[in-house]
N, C-alpha and C. Protein backbone atom coordinates (compact mmCIF):
# COMPACT_ATOMS: atom_id res chain seq x y z
N MET A 1 0.10 13.20 -2.17
CA MET A 1 -0.15 12.79 -0.80
C MET A 1 -0.82 11.41 -0.80
N HIS A 2 -0.42 10.55 0.05
CA HIS A 2 -0.96 9.19 0.18
C HIS A 2 -0.69 8.34 -1.07
N THR A 3 0.32 8.67 -1.83
CA THR A 3 0.63 7.95 -3.07
C THR A 3 0.92 6.48 -2.82
N ARG A 4 1.69 6.18 -1.79
CA ARG A 4 2.06 4.79 -1.49
C ARG A 4 0.82 3.98 -1.12
N ILE A 5 -0.05 4.55 -0.30
CA ILE A 5 -1.27 3.85 0.12
C ILE A 5 -2.17 3.59 -1.09
N LEU A 6 -2.36 4.59 -1.92
CA LEU A 6 -3.22 4.43 -3.10
C LEU A 6 -2.65 3.37 -4.04
N ARG A 7 -1.35 3.35 -4.22
CA ARG A 7 -0.72 2.33 -5.07
C ARG A 7 -0.98 0.93 -4.51
N LYS A 8 -0.87 0.79 -3.20
CA LYS A 8 -1.10 -0.50 -2.54
C LYS A 8 -2.57 -0.94 -2.70
N ILE A 9 -3.49 0.00 -2.53
CA ILE A 9 -4.91 -0.30 -2.70
C ILE A 9 -5.17 -0.75 -4.13
N ARG A 10 -4.62 -0.04 -5.09
CA ARG A 10 -4.82 -0.40 -6.51
C ARG A 10 -4.25 -1.77 -6.83
N GLU A 11 -3.10 -2.11 -6.25
CA GLU A 11 -2.53 -3.45 -6.45
C GLU A 11 -3.49 -4.52 -5.95
N LYS A 12 -4.12 -4.27 -4.80
CA LYS A 12 -5.07 -5.24 -4.24
C LYS A 12 -6.31 -5.35 -5.13
N ILE A 13 -6.75 -4.24 -5.71
CA ILE A 13 -7.90 -4.28 -6.62
C ILE A 13 -7.54 -5.09 -7.85
N ARG A 14 -6.41 -4.82 -8.45
CA ARG A 14 -5.99 -5.53 -9.67
C ARG A 14 -5.83 -7.04 -9.44
N SER A 15 -5.35 -7.41 -8.27
CA SER A 15 -5.15 -8.84 -7.97
C SER A 15 -6.36 -9.46 -7.28
N GLU A 16 -7.44 -8.69 -7.15
CA GLU A 16 -8.70 -9.14 -6.54
C GLU A 16 -8.50 -9.64 -5.11
N GLU A 17 -7.63 -8.97 -4.37
CA GLU A 17 -7.36 -9.31 -2.97
C GLU A 17 -8.03 -8.30 -2.05
N TYR A 18 -9.34 -8.26 -2.10
CA TYR A 18 -10.08 -7.34 -1.24
C TYR A 18 -11.44 -7.95 -0.91
N ILE A 19 -12.09 -7.38 0.06
CA ILE A 19 -13.40 -7.85 0.51
C ILE A 19 -14.38 -6.69 0.47
N LEU A 20 -15.54 -6.92 -0.12
CA LEU A 20 -16.63 -5.95 -0.05
C LEU A 20 -17.50 -6.34 1.14
N THR A 21 -17.71 -5.43 2.04
CA THR A 21 -18.56 -5.73 3.19
C THR A 21 -20.03 -5.74 2.77
N THR A 22 -20.85 -6.31 3.61
CA THR A 22 -22.29 -6.29 3.38
C THR A 22 -22.78 -4.85 3.29
N HIS A 23 -22.26 -4.01 4.17
CA HIS A 23 -22.64 -2.59 4.15
C HIS A 23 -22.28 -1.95 2.80
N ALA A 24 -21.09 -2.24 2.30
CA ALA A 24 -20.67 -1.69 1.00
C ALA A 24 -21.59 -2.17 -0.12
N GLU A 25 -21.94 -3.45 -0.09
CA GLU A 25 -22.84 -3.99 -1.11
C GLU A 25 -24.21 -3.33 -1.05
N GLU A 26 -24.70 -3.08 0.17
CA GLU A 26 -25.99 -2.40 0.33
C GLU A 26 -25.93 -0.97 -0.20
N GLU A 27 -24.84 -0.27 0.12
CA GLU A 27 -24.68 1.10 -0.37
C GLU A 27 -24.58 1.13 -1.90
N MET A 28 -23.86 0.17 -2.46
CA MET A 28 -23.75 0.09 -3.92
C MET A 28 -25.13 -0.13 -4.54
N ALA A 29 -25.90 -1.05 -3.98
CA ALA A 29 -27.24 -1.33 -4.51
C ALA A 29 -28.14 -0.10 -4.41
N ASN A 30 -28.06 0.61 -3.28
CA ASN A 30 -28.88 1.82 -3.10
C ASN A 30 -28.58 2.87 -4.16
N ASP A 31 -27.32 2.95 -4.59
CA ASP A 31 -26.90 3.96 -5.56
C ASP A 31 -26.79 3.40 -6.98
N ASP A 32 -27.23 2.15 -7.17
CA ASP A 32 -27.21 1.50 -8.48
C ASP A 32 -25.80 1.38 -9.06
N PHE A 33 -24.85 1.02 -8.20
CA PHE A 33 -23.49 0.73 -8.63
C PHE A 33 -23.26 -0.77 -8.54
N ILE A 34 -22.28 -1.26 -9.31
CA ILE A 34 -21.87 -2.66 -9.22
C ILE A 34 -20.39 -2.70 -8.86
N GLU A 35 -19.89 -3.89 -8.59
CA GLU A 35 -18.51 -4.03 -8.11
C GLU A 35 -17.49 -3.44 -9.07
N VAL A 36 -17.70 -3.61 -10.36
CA VAL A 36 -16.74 -3.06 -11.33
C VAL A 36 -16.71 -1.53 -11.27
N ASP A 37 -17.81 -0.90 -10.86
CA ASP A 37 -17.81 0.55 -10.67
C ASP A 37 -16.86 0.94 -9.55
N VAL A 38 -16.90 0.19 -8.46
CA VAL A 38 -16.01 0.46 -7.33
C VAL A 38 -14.56 0.27 -7.75
N GLU A 39 -14.28 -0.83 -8.42
CA GLU A 39 -12.91 -1.09 -8.88
C GLU A 39 -12.42 0.03 -9.81
N THR A 40 -13.26 0.42 -10.75
CA THR A 40 -12.89 1.47 -11.71
C THR A 40 -12.64 2.79 -11.00
N ALA A 41 -13.51 3.13 -10.06
CA ALA A 41 -13.36 4.40 -9.33
C ALA A 41 -12.06 4.43 -8.53
N ILE A 42 -11.70 3.31 -7.95
CA ILE A 42 -10.44 3.26 -7.19
C ILE A 42 -9.24 3.34 -8.14
N LEU A 43 -9.32 2.65 -9.26
CA LEU A 43 -8.20 2.65 -10.20
C LEU A 43 -7.98 4.01 -10.87
N ASN A 44 -9.04 4.82 -10.99
CA ASN A 44 -8.87 6.13 -11.61
C ASN A 44 -9.00 7.28 -10.61
N GLY A 45 -9.20 6.94 -9.35
CA GLY A 45 -9.48 7.96 -8.35
C GLY A 45 -8.28 8.47 -7.59
N ARG A 46 -8.59 9.22 -6.55
CA ARG A 46 -7.54 9.79 -5.70
C ARG A 46 -8.05 9.81 -4.27
N ILE A 47 -7.13 9.73 -3.34
CA ILE A 47 -7.48 9.84 -1.92
C ILE A 47 -7.70 11.32 -1.63
N ILE A 48 -8.89 11.64 -1.14
CA ILE A 48 -9.18 13.05 -0.85
C ILE A 48 -9.02 13.39 0.62
N ARG A 49 -9.05 12.37 1.48
CA ARG A 49 -8.77 12.64 2.89
C ARG A 49 -8.54 11.34 3.65
N ARG A 50 -7.90 11.51 4.79
CA ARG A 50 -7.63 10.40 5.72
C ARG A 50 -8.34 10.74 7.02
N GLU A 51 -8.97 9.73 7.61
CA GLU A 51 -9.68 9.90 8.88
C GLU A 51 -9.31 8.75 9.80
N ARG A 52 -9.82 8.81 11.00
CA ARG A 52 -9.67 7.71 11.97
C ARG A 52 -11.06 7.26 12.39
N ASP A 53 -11.24 5.93 12.53
CA ASP A 53 -12.52 5.44 13.01
C ASP A 53 -12.52 5.46 14.53
N SER A 54 -13.59 4.95 15.13
CA SER A 54 -13.71 4.99 16.59
C SER A 54 -12.65 4.16 17.30
N LEU A 55 -12.04 3.21 16.59
CA LEU A 55 -10.97 2.38 17.16
C LEU A 55 -9.59 2.94 16.81
N LYS A 56 -9.56 4.14 16.25
CA LYS A 56 -8.32 4.85 15.89
C LYS A 56 -7.60 4.24 14.68
N ARG A 57 -8.30 3.41 13.90
CA ARG A 57 -7.71 2.86 12.69
C ARG A 57 -7.81 3.89 11.57
N ALA A 58 -6.78 3.94 10.73
CA ALA A 58 -6.81 4.86 9.59
C ALA A 58 -7.83 4.37 8.57
N LYS A 59 -8.53 5.32 7.98
CA LYS A 59 -9.41 5.02 6.86
C LYS A 59 -9.22 6.12 5.82
N TYR A 60 -9.37 5.74 4.58
CA TYR A 60 -9.12 6.65 3.48
C TYR A 60 -10.38 6.82 2.65
N ILE A 61 -10.68 8.06 2.28
CA ILE A 61 -11.81 8.35 1.42
C ILE A 61 -11.26 8.56 0.01
N ILE A 62 -11.72 7.74 -0.92
CA ILE A 62 -11.26 7.81 -2.31
C ILE A 62 -12.40 8.36 -3.16
N GLU A 63 -12.07 9.34 -3.98
CA GLU A 63 -13.03 9.90 -4.93
C GLU A 63 -12.61 9.44 -6.31
N GLY A 64 -13.55 8.86 -7.05
CA GLY A 64 -13.26 8.38 -8.39
C GLY A 64 -14.51 8.39 -9.24
N VAL A 65 -14.39 7.84 -10.43
CA VAL A 65 -15.48 7.85 -11.39
C VAL A 65 -15.81 6.41 -11.78
N ALA A 66 -17.10 6.08 -11.75
CA ALA A 66 -17.57 4.75 -12.12
C ALA A 66 -17.53 4.57 -13.64
N ILE A 67 -17.85 3.37 -14.09
CA ILE A 67 -17.87 3.05 -15.52
C ILE A 67 -18.72 4.04 -16.31
N ASP A 68 -19.88 4.42 -15.77
CA ASP A 68 -20.78 5.33 -16.48
C ASP A 68 -20.47 6.80 -16.22
N ARG A 69 -19.32 7.09 -15.65
CA ARG A 69 -18.79 8.44 -15.40
C ARG A 69 -19.44 9.14 -14.20
N ARG A 70 -20.25 8.41 -13.41
CA ARG A 70 -20.79 9.01 -12.17
C ARG A 70 -19.68 9.07 -11.14
N LYS A 71 -19.67 10.15 -10.37
CA LYS A 71 -18.68 10.31 -9.31
C LYS A 71 -19.04 9.40 -8.14
N MET A 72 -18.02 8.81 -7.53
CA MET A 72 -18.20 7.94 -6.37
C MET A 72 -17.25 8.36 -5.27
N LEU A 73 -17.68 8.17 -4.03
CA LEU A 73 -16.81 8.27 -2.86
C LEU A 73 -16.76 6.90 -2.23
N ILE A 74 -15.56 6.42 -1.95
CA ILE A 74 -15.36 5.08 -1.41
C ILE A 74 -14.57 5.19 -0.12
N LEU A 75 -15.03 4.50 0.90
CA LEU A 75 -14.33 4.46 2.18
C LEU A 75 -13.53 3.18 2.23
N ARG A 76 -12.30 3.28 2.67
CA ARG A 76 -11.44 2.10 2.73
C ARG A 76 -10.65 2.10 4.03
N PHE A 77 -10.73 1.01 4.78
CA PHE A 77 -9.93 0.86 5.99
C PHE A 77 -8.56 0.32 5.61
N ALA A 78 -7.53 0.84 6.24
CA ALA A 78 -6.16 0.39 5.98
C ALA A 78 -5.88 -0.86 6.81
N GLN A 79 -5.92 -2.00 6.16
CA GLN A 79 -5.62 -3.28 6.80
C GLN A 79 -4.84 -4.12 5.79
N ASP A 80 -4.38 -5.28 6.22
CA ASP A 80 -3.63 -6.14 5.30
C ASP A 80 -4.47 -6.53 4.09
N LEU A 81 -5.72 -6.90 4.32
CA LEU A 81 -6.62 -7.23 3.23
C LEU A 81 -7.62 -6.09 3.12
N PRO A 82 -7.57 -5.31 2.05
CA PRO A 82 -8.46 -4.16 1.95
C PRO A 82 -9.92 -4.53 2.09
N ILE A 83 -10.60 -3.76 2.87
CA ILE A 83 -12.04 -3.91 3.06
C ILE A 83 -12.68 -2.63 2.56
N LEU A 84 -13.59 -2.77 1.63
CA LEU A 84 -14.24 -1.61 1.04
C LEU A 84 -15.64 -1.47 1.56
């Protein structure tokens, strides 16, 4: 399920065509993660659910594992340029 979306997200990660929001950076710092942890978790993770935000845009929750093997949940909005 969501295979095409996950493949597209991974392509953007590999080509570094994404934006980390200030909120994402703050959440990463709070949990002692770095950007490579997010990239790794997306590259080895899976979409566990799809939701809609208040503007009815699709967003995907990705569960994956960071470099140090800690589990991560990542929220991603479906847009042309991925925003994490």
